[in-house]
Amino acid sequence: MERMGSLNYDGHLYDFEDRFLAHVQVVLAQKMRRRESFLLSWTAPAHEEAWGRVSIWISPSADVSFRYSGSKSAALNSEWLERMMSATHSTRGLDLDTQKEPPAGSPAHS
């Protein structure tokens, strides 16, 4: 069973699997620390309040928080983080629907 956490953006909650969300959190933190804005998009499932295609503008002044269902920090995959960071520089921004974890054997750190 996947543990589900949530991204709280401007009072709206969006659910993601904990490990995936941990990677998104690192990317958002890096971009916000650098004072860089970007578009973050994904398709939310029909059972969520804001279902369908979701796009939010992430800026350094955005009110963002994360909540995880698990109590332990997820192991992070550095290749996955690099791919996500690279996508933030594209004109379409970071589309979470296209972000799948690289195959086993990719470098990881915690």
N, C-alpha and C. Protein backbone atom coordinates (compact mmCIF):
# COMPACT_ATOMS: atom_id res chain seq x y z
N MET A 1 0.84 -1.19 0.00
CA MET A 1 0.00 0.00 0.00
C MET A 1 0.89 1.25 0.00
N GLU A 2 0.64 2.13 -0.93
CA GLU A 2 1.40 3.38 -1.02
C GLU A 2 0.94 4.35 0.05
N ARG A 3 1.89 5.00 0.67
CA ARG A 3 1.56 6.04 1.65
C ARG A 3 1.34 7.34 0.88
N MET A 4 0.24 8.01 1.20
CA MET A 4 -0.11 9.23 0.49
C MET A 4 0.10 10.46 1.37
N GLY A 5 0.85 11.40 0.82
CA GLY A 5 1.06 12.67 1.48
C GLY A 5 0.31 13.75 0.71
N SER A 6 0.48 14.99 1.14
CA SER A 6 -0.22 16.06 0.43
C SER A 6 0.66 17.30 0.30
N LEU A 7 0.44 17.97 -0.81
CA LEU A 7 1.03 19.27 -1.09
C LEU A 7 -0.06 20.28 -0.80
N ASN A 8 0.23 21.23 0.09
CA ASN A 8 -0.72 22.29 0.40
C ASN A 8 -0.22 23.54 -0.29
N TYR A 9 -0.98 24.00 -1.28
CA TYR A 9 -0.60 25.19 -2.03
C TYR A 9 -1.73 26.20 -1.91
N ASP A 10 -1.45 27.30 -1.24
CA ASP A 10 -2.42 28.38 -1.11
C ASP A 10 -3.76 27.88 -0.57
N GLY A 11 -3.71 26.96 0.39
CA GLY A 11 -4.93 26.45 1.01
C GLY A 11 -5.59 25.29 0.29
N HIS A 12 -5.06 24.86 -0.83
CA HIS A 12 -5.60 23.72 -1.56
C HIS A 12 -4.70 22.52 -1.35
N LEU A 13 -5.30 21.37 -1.04
CA LEU A 13 -4.53 20.15 -0.81
C LEU A 13 -4.55 19.26 -2.04
N TYR A 14 -3.37 18.75 -2.39
CA TYR A 14 -3.22 17.84 -3.53
C TYR A 14 -2.47 16.61 -3.04
N ASP A 15 -3.02 15.43 -3.29
CA ASP A 15 -2.44 14.18 -2.80
C ASP A 15 -1.45 13.58 -3.78
N PHE A 16 -0.33 13.11 -3.24
CA PHE A 16 0.70 12.40 -4.00
C PHE A 16 1.28 11.30 -3.12
N GLU A 17 1.83 10.31 -3.73
CA GLU A 17 2.52 9.24 -3.00
C GLU A 17 3.71 9.87 -2.27
N ASP A 18 3.96 9.43 -1.04
CA ASP A 18 4.99 10.05 -0.19
C ASP A 18 6.36 10.18 -0.86
N ARG A 19 6.85 9.11 -1.46
CA ARG A 19 8.20 9.15 -2.03
C ARG A 19 8.27 10.13 -3.20
N PHE A 20 7.26 10.12 -4.04
CA PHE A 20 7.18 11.06 -5.16
C PHE A 20 7.14 12.49 -4.62
N LEU A 21 6.31 12.71 -3.61
CA LEU A 21 6.16 14.04 -3.02
C LEU A 21 7.48 14.53 -2.41
N ALA A 22 8.26 13.63 -1.85
CA ALA A 22 9.56 14.02 -1.28
C ALA A 22 10.47 14.60 -2.36
N HIS A 23 10.43 14.03 -3.55
CA HIS A 23 11.23 14.54 -4.67
C HIS A 23 10.70 15.91 -5.12
N VAL A 24 9.39 16.04 -5.20
CA VAL A 24 8.78 17.32 -5.58
C VAL A 24 9.17 18.39 -4.55
N GLN A 25 9.15 18.04 -3.28
CA GLN A 25 9.51 18.99 -2.23
C GLN A 25 10.93 19.50 -2.39
N VAL A 26 11.86 18.62 -2.68
CA VAL A 26 13.26 19.04 -2.86
C VAL A 26 13.38 20.01 -4.03
N VAL A 27 12.70 19.71 -5.13
CA VAL A 27 12.76 20.58 -6.31
C VAL A 27 12.15 21.95 -5.98
N LEU A 28 10.98 21.96 -5.35
CA LEU A 28 10.35 23.24 -5.00
C LEU A 28 11.23 24.03 -4.04
N ALA A 29 11.82 23.38 -3.07
CA ALA A 29 12.68 24.08 -2.11
C ALA A 29 13.89 24.70 -2.81
N GLN A 30 14.50 23.96 -3.71
CA GLN A 30 15.66 24.49 -4.44
C GLN A 30 15.28 25.70 -5.29
N LYS A 31 14.17 25.58 -6.00
CA LYS A 31 13.74 26.69 -6.87
C LYS A 31 13.36 27.92 -6.04
N MET A 32 12.65 27.71 -4.94
CA MET A 32 12.22 28.84 -4.12
C MET A 32 13.41 29.49 -3.43
N ARG A 33 14.36 28.70 -2.99
CA ARG A 33 15.56 29.24 -2.36
C ARG A 33 16.34 30.13 -3.34
N ARG A 34 16.32 29.74 -4.61
CA ARG A 34 17.01 30.52 -5.66
C ARG A 34 16.16 31.69 -6.17
N ARG A 35 14.95 31.79 -5.62
CA ARG A 35 14.00 32.83 -6.01
C ARG A 35 13.61 32.70 -7.48
N GLU A 36 13.44 31.46 -7.93
CA GLU A 36 13.04 31.17 -9.31
C GLU A 36 11.60 30.66 -9.33
N SER A 37 10.81 31.19 -10.23
CA SER A 37 9.42 30.76 -10.40
C SER A 37 9.32 29.78 -11.55
N PHE A 38 8.28 28.93 -11.52
CA PHE A 38 8.05 27.99 -12.61
C PHE A 38 6.63 27.45 -12.52
N LEU A 39 6.20 26.81 -13.60
CA LEU A 39 4.88 26.21 -13.68
C LEU A 39 4.97 24.75 -13.26
N LEU A 40 4.07 24.33 -12.38
CA LEU A 40 3.98 22.94 -11.92
C LEU A 40 2.61 22.42 -12.33
N SER A 41 2.57 21.30 -13.08
CA SER A 41 1.30 20.77 -13.60
C SER A 41 1.20 19.27 -13.38
N TRP A 42 -0.03 18.78 -13.33
CA TRP A 42 -0.32 17.35 -13.24
C TRP A 42 -1.80 17.14 -13.47
N THR A 43 -2.19 15.88 -13.62
CA THR A 43 -3.60 15.52 -13.73
C THR A 43 -4.03 14.90 -12.41
N ALA A 44 -4.98 15.54 -11.74
CA ALA A 44 -5.47 15.05 -10.46
C ALA A 44 -6.58 14.03 -10.70
N PRO A 45 -6.64 12.98 -9.88
CA PRO A 45 -7.68 11.97 -10.03
C PRO A 45 -9.07 12.53 -9.73
N ALA A 46 -10.08 11.88 -10.25
CA ALA A 46 -11.46 12.35 -10.13
C ALA A 46 -11.95 12.43 -8.68
N HIS A 47 -11.37 11.66 -7.77
CA HIS A 47 -11.84 11.68 -6.38
C HIS A 47 -11.34 12.90 -5.60
N GLU A 48 -10.42 13.67 -6.16
CA GLU A 48 -9.91 14.86 -5.47
C GLU A 48 -10.81 16.07 -5.73
N GLU A 49 -10.75 17.01 -4.80
CA GLU A 49 -11.55 18.23 -4.90
C GLU A 49 -11.28 18.97 -6.20
N ALA A 50 -10.03 19.11 -6.55
CA ALA A 50 -9.65 19.82 -7.78
C ALA A 50 -9.19 18.80 -8.81
N TRP A 51 -10.10 17.99 -9.30
CA TRP A 51 -9.74 16.94 -10.25
C TRP A 51 -9.60 17.51 -11.65
N GLY A 52 -8.94 16.74 -12.51
CA GLY A 52 -8.67 17.18 -13.87
C GLY A 52 -7.26 17.74 -13.95
N ARG A 53 -7.00 18.51 -14.97
CA ARG A 53 -5.66 19.08 -15.17
C ARG A 53 -5.46 20.24 -14.21
N VAL A 54 -4.36 20.21 -13.47
CA VAL A 54 -4.04 21.25 -12.50
C VAL A 54 -2.70 21.87 -12.89
N SER A 55 -2.63 23.19 -12.92
CA SER A 55 -1.37 23.91 -13.13
C SER A 55 -1.32 25.03 -12.11
N ILE A 56 -0.20 25.10 -11.40
CA ILE A 56 -0.03 26.17 -10.41
C ILE A 56 1.31 26.85 -10.66
N TRP A 57 1.34 28.15 -10.42
CA TRP A 57 2.56 28.93 -10.60
C TRP A 57 3.29 28.93 -9.26
N ILE A 58 4.47 28.36 -9.25
CA ILE A 58 5.28 28.30 -8.04
C ILE A 58 6.23 29.50 -8.06
N SER A 59 6.12 30.33 -7.04
CA SER A 59 7.00 31.49 -6.92
C SER A 59 7.58 31.50 -5.51
N PRO A 60 8.65 32.24 -5.30
CA PRO A 60 9.27 32.29 -3.98
C PRO A 60 8.33 32.75 -2.87
N SER A 61 7.30 33.50 -3.22
CA SER A 61 6.37 34.00 -2.21
C SER A 61 5.16 33.09 -2.01
N ALA A 62 5.11 31.96 -2.70
CA ALA A 62 3.97 31.05 -2.60
C ALA A 62 3.89 30.43 -1.20
N ASP A 63 2.67 30.19 -0.75
CA ASP A 63 2.43 29.53 0.53
C ASP A 63 2.32 28.03 0.25
N VAL A 64 3.41 27.30 0.52
CA VAL A 64 3.49 25.87 0.20
C VAL A 64 3.91 25.10 1.44
N SER A 65 3.23 23.97 1.69
CA SER A 65 3.66 23.07 2.76
C SER A 65 3.42 21.64 2.32
N PHE A 66 4.06 20.71 3.01
CA PHE A 66 3.99 19.30 2.67
C PHE A 66 3.65 18.51 3.92
N ARG A 67 2.82 17.48 3.76
CA ARG A 67 2.49 16.59 4.87
C ARG A 67 2.59 15.16 4.35
N TYR A 68 3.26 14.33 5.12
CA TYR A 68 3.49 12.94 4.73
C TYR A 68 2.75 12.00 5.67
N SER A 69 2.28 10.87 5.13
CA SER A 69 1.61 9.89 5.97
C SER A 69 2.61 9.03 6.72
N GLY A 70 3.81 8.86 6.16
CA GLY A 70 4.85 8.08 6.82
C GLY A 70 5.67 8.94 7.76
N SER A 71 6.35 8.30 8.70
CA SER A 71 7.14 9.05 9.68
C SER A 71 8.62 9.11 9.31
N LYS A 72 9.04 8.34 8.32
CA LYS A 72 10.45 8.32 7.92
C LYS A 72 10.64 9.08 6.61
N SER A 73 11.80 9.70 6.48
CA SER A 73 12.13 10.39 5.23
C SER A 73 12.37 9.37 4.12
N ALA A 74 11.89 9.68 2.95
CA ALA A 74 12.06 8.79 1.79
C ALA A 74 13.47 8.90 1.25
N ALA A 75 13.98 7.79 0.71
CA ALA A 75 15.27 7.82 0.01
C ALA A 75 15.07 8.61 -1.28
N LEU A 76 16.03 9.45 -1.60
CA LEU A 76 15.92 10.28 -2.79
C LEU A 76 16.81 9.76 -3.91
N ASN A 77 16.30 9.82 -5.12
CA ASN A 77 17.03 9.39 -6.31
C ASN A 77 17.58 10.64 -6.99
N SER A 78 18.90 10.79 -7.01
CA SER A 78 19.50 12.02 -7.54
C SER A 78 19.25 12.20 -9.04
N GLU A 79 19.19 11.11 -9.80
CA GLU A 79 18.91 11.23 -11.24
C GLU A 79 17.49 11.76 -11.46
N TRP A 80 16.56 11.27 -10.67
CA TRP A 80 15.17 11.72 -10.76
C TRP A 80 15.09 13.21 -10.41
N LEU A 81 15.79 13.62 -9.36
CA LEU A 81 15.80 15.04 -8.98
C LEU A 81 16.37 15.91 -10.10
N GLU A 82 17.44 15.45 -10.73
CA GLU A 82 18.04 16.21 -11.83
C GLU A 82 17.07 16.35 -13.00
N ARG A 83 16.35 15.29 -13.32
CA ARG A 83 15.37 15.35 -14.41
C ARG A 83 14.25 16.33 -14.09
N MET A 84 13.79 16.30 -12.85
CA MET A 84 12.73 17.22 -12.44
C MET A 84 13.22 18.67 -12.49
N MET A 85 14.42 18.90 -11.97
CA MET A 85 14.97 20.27 -11.99
C MET A 85 15.13 20.77 -13.42
N SER A 86 15.60 19.92 -14.29
CA SER A 86 15.77 20.30 -15.70
C SER A 86 14.43 20.68 -16.33
N ALA A 87 13.40 19.93 -16.00
CA ALA A 87 12.07 20.20 -16.57
C ALA A 87 11.53 21.56 -16.13
N THR A 88 11.92 22.04 -14.96
CA THR A 88 11.41 23.34 -14.50
C THR A 88 11.85 24.49 -15.39
N HIS A 89 12.90 24.27 -16.17
CA HIS A 89 13.42 25.33 -17.05
C HIS A 89 12.75 25.34 -18.42
N SER A 90 11.89 24.37 -18.69
CA SER A 90 11.23 24.32 -20.00
C SER A 90 10.05 25.29 -20.03
N THR A 91 9.56 25.59 -21.22
CA THR A 91 8.43 26.50 -21.35
C THR A 91 7.15 25.91 -20.75
N ARG A 92 7.06 24.59 -20.69
CA ARG A 92 5.88 23.94 -20.11
C ARG A 92 6.03 23.72 -18.61
N GLY A 93 7.20 23.97 -18.07
CA GLY A 93 7.42 23.78 -16.64
C GLY A 93 7.56 22.31 -16.28
N LEU A 94 7.38 22.02 -15.01
CA LEU A 94 7.50 20.66 -14.51
C LEU A 94 6.14 19.98 -14.57
N ASP A 95 5.99 19.04 -15.48
CA ASP A 95 4.75 18.27 -15.63
C ASP A 95 4.95 16.96 -14.87
N LEU A 96 4.29 16.83 -13.74
CA LEU A 96 4.48 15.65 -12.90
C LEU A 96 3.97 14.37 -13.54
N ASP A 97 3.07 14.49 -14.51
CA ASP A 97 2.57 13.29 -15.21
C ASP A 97 3.68 12.61 -16.01
N THR A 98 4.69 13.35 -16.40
CA THR A 98 5.77 12.78 -17.22
C THR A 98 6.97 12.36 -16.38
N GLN A 99 6.89 12.56 -15.08
CA GLN A 99 8.03 12.28 -14.21
C GLN A 99 7.90 10.91 -13.56
N LYS A 100 8.55 9.94 -14.14
CA LYS A 100 8.58 8.58 -13.59
C LYS A 100 9.98 8.33 -13.05
N GLU A 101 10.06 7.55 -12.00
CA GLU A 101 11.37 7.27 -11.41
C GLU A 101 12.24 6.50 -12.39
N PRO A 102 13.51 6.90 -12.52
CA PRO A 102 14.44 6.15 -13.38
C PRO A 102 14.57 4.70 -12.89
N PRO A 103 14.97 3.80 -13.78
CA PRO A 103 15.08 2.39 -13.42
C PRO A 103 16.02 2.14 -12.24
N ALA A 104 15.84 0.99 -11.61
CA ALA A 104 16.69 0.60 -10.49
C ALA A 104 18.15 0.65 -10.92
N GLY A 105 19.01 0.96 -9.97
CA GLY A 105 20.43 1.07 -10.29
C GLY A 105 20.86 2.51 -10.47
N SER A 106 19.89 3.43 -10.53
CA SER A 106 20.23 4.85 -10.63
C SER A 106 20.75 5.31 -9.27
N PRO A 107 21.60 6.32 -9.24
CA PRO A 107 22.15 6.79 -7.97
C PRO A 107 21.05 7.29 -7.03
N ALA A 108 21.21 7.03 -5.77
CA ALA A 108 20.25 7.50 -4.77
C ALA A 108 21.02 8.06 -3.58
N HIS A 109 20.40 8.99 -2.89
CA HIS A 109 20.97 9.50 -1.64
C HIS A 109 19.84 9.78 -0.69
N SER A 110 20.14 9.93 0.56
CA SER A 110 19.07 10.18 1.53
C SER A 110 19.13 11.54 2.15
